[in-house]
């Protein structure tokens, strides 16, 4: 993990105005709020869509069951009609009653005689109505969530744009480099002005069995977040408090050589260089100066163009 210390870097830069810092804090919070609202809306949508899928499957199963029951009812009705003693229905035919009325009565009698099947049919129809209502609610909830997501995405983009604008202004006031100045060499993100030196140093070390890795560039915004975590969230804590008073010591935003892409926190064989007696530190002590890098005395792993 990159170091947060570099207490000697406080003299590198001034600080941003309290008004600008306050505005940046407001828009940072607004972005976080919008991200949470978007996350909630997306969770709502996912839940509604899952409910809709599950309910649709239940509806399909109920419809299939209804089809089977309707066939069963029809078969039993026809069977009952064939077996019916028509003499008991003579009163229906009496008076030239229409055949349709007679058939309707026969079917009603048949269904009543097969109440169990009719009850299954009725229950399935009720279940279908209930599941359809649940599906309709889920679809409405999903549609509402999609509308909220679309709105939150627009608001989030606006908040991010405003945050980026204010961050750029704050960074510019402190002379911090931009992403355009940063390149990647041998896994390190560094300022283009030191890229060749870093590449040469890492290659030289590898040729002698020293496997250097680690981190380098840290954005202005990242430095702000590190200060919040290690120093506090007030204007004073973020922008003015001496690095040595933070736990662990942490350079002010704009004051870290990492923000300029001109500092590296080295690991060796995958572990942070913590001992000056290690072979990796000894190699750096003997060779890093040839590539323009110096060690920060309080941190064996931290090397920069000015030793801060």
Protein backbone atom coordinates (compact mmCIF):
# COMPACT_ATOMS: atom_id res chain seq x y z
CA UNK A 1 0.00 0.00 0.00
CA UNK A 2 1.38 3.46 -0.87
CA UNK A 3 2.71 5.51 2.00
CA UNK A 4 0.69 8.39 3.42
CA UNK A 5 3.53 9.99 5.31
CA UNK A 6 6.07 12.36 3.67
CA UNK A 7 5.91 14.88 6.48
CA UNK A 8 8.74 16.80 4.84
CA UNK A 9 6.57 17.76 1.86
CA UNK A 10 4.55 20.48 3.60
CA UNK A 11 6.73 23.26 2.23
CA UNK A 12 6.00 22.37 -1.40
CA UNK A 13 2.72 24.20 -1.82
CA UNK A 14 0.26 26.58 -0.25
CA UNK A 15 -3.40 25.83 0.24
CA UNK A 16 -6.64 26.48 -1.58
CA UNK A 17 -9.06 29.21 -0.50
CA UNK A 18 -11.61 28.29 2.13
CA UNK A 19 -14.44 29.15 -0.28
CA UNK A 20 -13.08 26.85 -2.97
CA UNK A 21 -12.41 24.07 -0.46
CA UNK A 22 -15.94 24.45 0.91
CA UNK A 23 -17.49 24.28 -2.55
CA UNK A 24 -15.42 21.23 -3.39
CA UNK A 25 -16.54 19.53 -0.18
CA UNK A 26 -20.20 20.26 -1.01
CA UNK A 27 -19.93 18.72 -4.46
CA UNK A 28 -17.93 15.76 -3.17
CA UNK A 29 -20.79 15.04 -0.78
CA UNK A 30 -23.38 15.56 -3.48
CA UNK A 31 -21.65 13.03 -5.70
CA UNK A 32 -21.59 10.51 -2.83
CA UNK A 33 -25.28 11.13 -2.11
CA UNK A 34 -26.25 10.67 -5.75
CA UNK A 35 -24.19 7.49 -5.97
CA UNK A 36 -26.05 6.09 -2.95
CA UNK A 37 -29.42 7.09 -4.41
CA UNK A 38 -28.48 5.46 -7.70
CA UNK A 39 -27.36 2.32 -5.88
CA UNK A 40 -30.70 2.18 -4.03
CA UNK A 41 -32.67 2.62 -7.25
CA UNK A 42 -30.65 -0.10 -8.97
CA UNK A 43 -31.28 -2.46 -6.05
CA UNK A 44 -35.01 -1.69 -6.25
CA UNK A 45 -34.99 -2.39 -9.97
CA UNK A 46 -33.15 -5.68 -9.52
CA UNK A 47 -35.58 -6.78 -6.81
CA UNK A 48 -38.62 -5.85 -8.93
CA UNK A 49 -37.23 -7.60 -12.00
CA UNK A 50 -36.48 -10.76 -9.98
CA UNK A 51 -39.99 -10.68 -8.55
CA UNK A 52 -41.44 -10.22 -12.02
CA UNK A 53 -39.47 -13.15 -13.41
CA UNK A 54 -40.48 -15.42 -10.54
CA UNK A 55 -44.13 -14.37 -10.73
CA UNK A 56 -44.23 -14.79 -14.50
CA UNK A 57 -42.99 -18.35 -14.05
CA UNK A 58 -45.76 -18.97 -11.51
CA UNK A 59 -48.33 -17.48 -13.88
CA UNK A 60 -47.19 -19.78 -16.68
CA UNK A 61 -47.43 -22.78 -14.34
CA UNK A 62 -50.94 -21.79 -13.21
CA UNK A 63 -52.09 -21.28 -16.80
CA UNK A 64 -50.84 -24.75 -17.67
CA UNK A 65 -52.68 -26.14 -14.64
CA UNK A 66 -55.84 -24.28 -15.68
CA UNK A 67 -55.62 -25.79 -19.13
CA UNK A 68 -55.39 -29.27 -17.65
CA UNK A 69 -58.27 -28.63 -15.25
CA UNK A 70 -60.49 -27.20 -17.97
CA UNK A 71 -59.89 -30.31 -20.07
CA UNK A 72 -60.64 -32.48 -17.05
CA UNK A 73 -63.88 -30.58 -16.29
CA UNK A 74 -64.99 -30.83 -19.92
CA UNK A 75 -64.23 -34.56 -20.03
CA UNK A 76 -66.14 -35.20 -16.82
CA UNK A 77 -69.06 -33.07 -18.00
CA UNK A 78 -69.28 -34.98 -21.26
CA UNK A 79 -69.03 -38.29 -19.41
CA UNK A 80 -71.73 -37.23 -16.98
CA UNK A 81 -73.93 -36.10 -19.84
CA UNK A 82 -73.58 -39.45 -21.58
CA UNK A 83 -74.39 -41.33 -18.38
CA UNK A 84 -77.22 -39.02 -17.29
CA UNK A 85 -80.69 -40.54 -16.73
CA UNK A 86 -82.63 -38.17 -18.96
CA UNK A 87 -85.90 -39.11 -17.31
CA UNK A 88 -85.04 -36.91 -14.36
CA UNK A 89 -84.82 -33.96 -16.73
CA UNK A 90 -88.12 -34.40 -18.48
CA UNK A 91 -89.36 -31.26 -16.80
CA UNK A 92 -86.71 -29.28 -18.70
CA UNK A 93 -87.93 -30.52 -22.09
CA UNK A 94 -91.51 -29.98 -21.14
CA UNK A 95 -92.95 -26.90 -22.72
CA UNK A 96 -90.60 -26.99 -25.71
CA UNK A 97 -87.58 -25.66 -23.69
CA UNK A 98 -84.64 -24.74 -25.90
CA UNK A 99 -81.90 -27.34 -26.30
CA UNK A 100 -79.26 -24.80 -25.21
CA UNK A 101 -80.97 -24.33 -21.86
CA UNK A 102 -81.19 -28.09 -21.42
CA UNK A 103 -77.51 -28.53 -22.19
CA UNK A 104 -76.55 -25.75 -19.77
CA UNK A 105 -78.49 -27.42 -17.00
CA UNK A 106 -76.91 -30.78 -17.77
CA UNK A 107 -73.42 -29.29 -17.65
CA UNK A 108 -74.19 -27.54 -14.37
CA UNK A 109 -75.35 -30.81 -12.90
CA UNK A 110 -72.23 -32.53 -14.18
CA UNK A 111 -69.97 -29.92 -12.62
CA UNK A 112 -71.83 -30.11 -9.33
CA UNK A 113 -71.34 -33.84 -9.37
CA UNK A 114 -67.59 -33.27 -9.81
CA UNK A 115 -67.19 -30.55 -7.20
CA UNK A 116 -63.56 -31.43 -6.44
CA UNK A 117 -62.42 -30.61 -9.96
CA UNK A 118 -64.54 -27.47 -10.06
CA UNK A 119 -63.02 -26.28 -6.77
CA UNK A 120 -59.49 -26.86 -8.10
CA UNK A 121 -60.41 -24.85 -11.16
CA UNK A 122 -61.79 -22.00 -9.08
CA UNK A 123 -58.72 -21.95 -6.81
CA UNK A 124 -56.37 -21.93 -9.78
CA UNK A 125 -58.28 -19.01 -11.29
CA UNK A 126 -57.97 -17.08 -8.00
CA UNK A 127 -54.25 -17.87 -7.81
CA UNK A 128 -53.82 -16.64 -11.35
CA UNK A 129 -55.54 -13.35 -10.54
CA UNK A 130 -53.34 -12.87 -7.43
CA UNK A 131 -50.11 -13.63 -9.26
CA UNK A 132 -51.08 -11.38 -12.14
CA UNK A 133 -51.66 -8.52 -9.67
CA UNK A 134 -48.22 -9.17 -8.14
CA UNK A 135 -46.67 -9.19 -11.62
CA UNK A 136 -48.38 -5.92 -12.51
CA UNK A 137 -47.08 -4.33 -9.29
CA UNK A 138 -43.56 -5.61 -9.96
CA UNK A 139 -43.62 -4.27 -13.50
CA UNK A 140 -44.83 -0.87 -12.28
CA UNK A 141 -42.12 -0.80 -9.60
CA UNK A 142 -39.47 -1.75 -12.17
CA UNK A 143 -40.66 0.96 -14.57
CA UNK A 144 -40.57 3.53 -11.75
CA UNK A 145 -37.07 2.41 -10.74
CA UNK A 146 -35.84 2.75 -14.33
CA UNK A 147 -37.19 6.30 -14.45
CA UNK A 148 -35.46 7.12 -11.16
CA UNK A 149 -32.19 5.62 -12.40
CA UNK A 150 -32.33 7.68 -15.59
CA UNK A 151 -32.92 10.84 -13.55
CA UNK A 152 -30.19 10.01 -11.01
CA UNK A 153 -27.68 9.31 -13.78
CA UNK A 154 -28.26 12.77 -15.19
CA UNK A 155 -27.93 14.37 -11.75
CA UNK A 156 -24.86 12.28 -10.92
CA UNK A 157 -23.16 13.29 -14.15
CA UNK A 158 -23.82 16.95 -13.39
CA UNK A 159 -22.45 16.55 -9.87
CA UNK A 160 -19.36 14.76 -11.14
CA UNK A 161 -18.73 17.44 -13.74
CA UNK A 162 -19.00 20.17 -11.11
CA UNK A 163 -16.77 18.23 -8.74
CA UNK A 164 -14.18 17.71 -11.49
CA UNK A 165 -14.24 21.41 -12.34
CA UNK A 166 -13.70 22.47 -8.74
CA UNK A 167 -11.03 19.82 -8.22
CA UNK A 168 -9.18 21.08 -11.29
CA UNK A 169 -9.35 24.66 -9.99
CA UNK A 170 -8.04 23.61 -6.59
CA UNK A 171 -5.28 21.51 -8.14
CA UNK A 172 -4.30 24.31 -10.52
CA UNK A 173 -4.01 26.76 -7.63
CA UNK A 174 -1.40 24.42 -6.11
CA UNK A 175 0.42 23.55 -9.31
CA UNK A 176 -0.55 19.87 -9.19
CA UNK A 177 -0.06 17.92 -12.42
CA UNK A 178 -2.94 16.44 -14.41
CA UNK A 179 -3.50 12.92 -15.72
CA UNK A 180 -2.22 14.14 -19.10
CA UNK A 181 1.24 14.46 -17.56
CA UNK A 182 1.26 10.90 -16.24
CA UNK A 183 2.52 7.84 -18.12
CA UNK A 184 3.01 4.21 -17.13
CA UNK A 185 6.45 2.64 -17.16
CA UNK A 186 7.35 -0.79 -15.75
CA UNK A 187 4.05 -0.77 -13.85
CA UNK A 188 4.64 2.65 -12.25
CA UNK A 189 2.49 5.67 -13.08
CA UNK A 190 4.89 8.61 -13.07
CA UNK A 191 5.38 12.06 -14.60
CA UNK A 192 6.56 11.81 -18.18
CA UNK A 193 9.68 13.81 -17.25
CA UNK A 194 11.00 10.97 -15.05
CA UNK A 195 9.64 8.01 -17.04
CA UNK A 196 12.95 7.12 -18.67
CA UNK A 197 14.82 7.38 -15.37
CA UNK A 198 12.30 5.14 -13.58
CA UNK A 199 12.36 2.59 -16.38
CA UNK A 200 16.16 2.52 -16.40
CA UNK A 201 16.38 2.15 -12.62
CA UNK A 202 13.85 -0.69 -12.46
CA UNK A 203 15.55 -2.52 -15.35
CA UNK A 204 18.96 -2.07 -13.75
CA UNK A 205 17.66 -3.46 -10.45
CA UNK A 206 16.08 -6.46 -12.19
CA UNK A 207 19.34 -7.25 -13.95
CA UNK A 208 20.95 -7.61 -10.52
CA UNK A 209 18.16 -9.72 -9.01
CA UNK A 210 16.29 -6.88 -7.32
CA UNK A 211 12.55 -7.08 -8.11
CA UNK A 212 11.16 -3.58 -7.58
CA UNK A 213 7.42 -2.85 -7.61
CA UNK A 214 5.07 -0.49 -5.81
CA UNK A 215 3.15 2.71 -6.47
CA UNK A 216 3.88 6.23 -7.60
CA UNK A 217 1.35 8.81 -8.81
CA UNK A 218 -1.51 9.72 -6.49
CA UNK A 219 -4.21 12.07 -7.71
CA UNK A 220 -5.01 15.35 -5.98
CA UNK A 221 -8.46 14.02 -5.13
CA UNK A 222 -7.00 10.84 -3.65
CA UNK A 223 -4.70 12.93 -1.45
CA UNK A 224 -7.74 14.82 -0.16
CA UNK A 225 -9.44 11.56 0.78
CA UNK A 226 -6.29 10.29 2.49
CA UNK A 227 -6.11 13.52 4.53
CA UNK A 228 -9.75 13.12 5.55
CA UNK A 229 -9.09 9.61 6.76
CA UNK A 230 -5.85 10.40 8.59
CA UNK A 231 -6.25 14.00 9.70
CA UNK A 232 -9.95 14.93 9.91
CA UNK A 233 -12.64 16.44 7.72
CA UNK A 234 -12.52 20.13 8.68
CA UNK A 235 -11.01 22.75 6.38
CA UNK A 236 -8.10 23.09 8.80
CA UNK A 237 -7.53 19.34 9.05
CA UNK A 238 -7.53 18.80 5.29
CA UNK A 239 -5.73 21.89 4.07
CA UNK A 240 -3.70 23.45 6.90
CA UNK A 241 -2.83 20.96 9.64
CA UNK A 242 0.87 20.01 9.62
CA UNK A 243 1.44 16.54 8.20
CA UNK A 244 3.13 15.43 11.40
CA UNK A 245 -0.09 15.88 13.38
CA UNK A 246 -1.98 13.35 11.27
CA UNK A 247 -2.01 9.65 12.12
CA UNK A 248 -0.16 8.45 10.20
CA UNK A 249 1.62 11.62 9.06
CA UNK A 250 0.07 12.71 5.75
CA UNK A 251 1.07 15.50 3.38
CA UNK A 252 -1.44 18.25 2.61
CA UNK A 253 -3.24 18.08 -0.75
CA UNK A 254 -0.94 19.68 -3.28
CA UNK A 255 2.13 19.09 -1.12
CA UNK A 256 2.95 15.48 -1.94
CA UNK A 257 5.52 14.50 -4.54
CA UNK A 258 3.22 11.60 -5.34
CA UNK A 259 0.74 14.15 -6.72
CA UNK A 260 3.45 15.31 -9.12
CA UNK A 261 4.22 11.78 -10.23
CA UNK A 262 7.79 12.21 -9.02
CA UNK A 263 7.82 9.94 -5.99
CA UNK A 264 7.75 6.17 -5.71
CA UNK A 265 6.89 3.87 -2.82
CA UNK A 266 8.92 0.75 -3.51
CA UNK A 267 8.14 -2.85 -2.75
CA UNK A 268 10.74 -5.54 -3.17
CA UNK A 269 9.70 -9.11 -3.95
CA UNK A 270 6.13 -8.02 -3.20
CA UNK A 271 6.68 -6.48 0.24
CA UNK A 272 7.05 -2.82 1.21
CA UNK A 273 10.69 -1.89 1.89
CA UNK A 274 10.62 -1.16 5.62
CA UNK A 275 14.22 -1.83 6.63
CA UNK A 276 17.31 0.13 5.70
CA UNK A 277 19.24 -3.04 6.25
CA UNK A 278 17.40 -4.94 3.52
CA UNK A 279 19.25 -5.80 0.33
CA UNK A 280 16.67 -3.84 -1.68
CA UNK A 281 17.20 -0.64 0.31
CA UNK A 282 20.92 -1.12 0.09
CA UNK A 283 20.70 -1.45 -3.68
CA UNK A 284 18.59 1.72 -3.94
CA UNK A 285 20.93 3.61 -1.63
CA UNK A 286 23.82 2.71 -3.93
CA UNK A 287 22.08 3.26 -7.27
CA UNK A 288 18.91 5.41 -7.10
CA UNK A 289 20.94 8.63 -7.00
CA UNK A 290 22.29 7.84 -10.46
CA UNK A 291 18.71 8.09 -11.73
CA UNK A 292 17.85 11.27 -9.84
CA UNK A 293 16.02 9.78 -6.87
CA UNK A 294 16.62 10.35 -3.16
CA UNK A 295 15.20 8.68 -0.07
CA UNK A 296 12.92 10.34 2.48
CA UNK A 297 14.80 9.55 5.73
CA UNK A 298 11.66 8.65 7.71
CA UNK A 299 10.46 6.13 5.11
CA UNK A 300 12.81 3.48 3.66
CA UNK A 301 10.30 2.78 0.85
CA UNK A 302 9.77 6.39 -0.29
CA UNK A 303 12.04 7.80 -3.00
CA UNK A 304 11.53 11.05 -4.90
CA UNK A 305 13.39 13.56 -7.04
CA UNK A 306 13.98 15.81 -4.03
CA UNK A 307 13.95 13.35 -1.14
CA UNK A 308 10.60 14.61 0.18
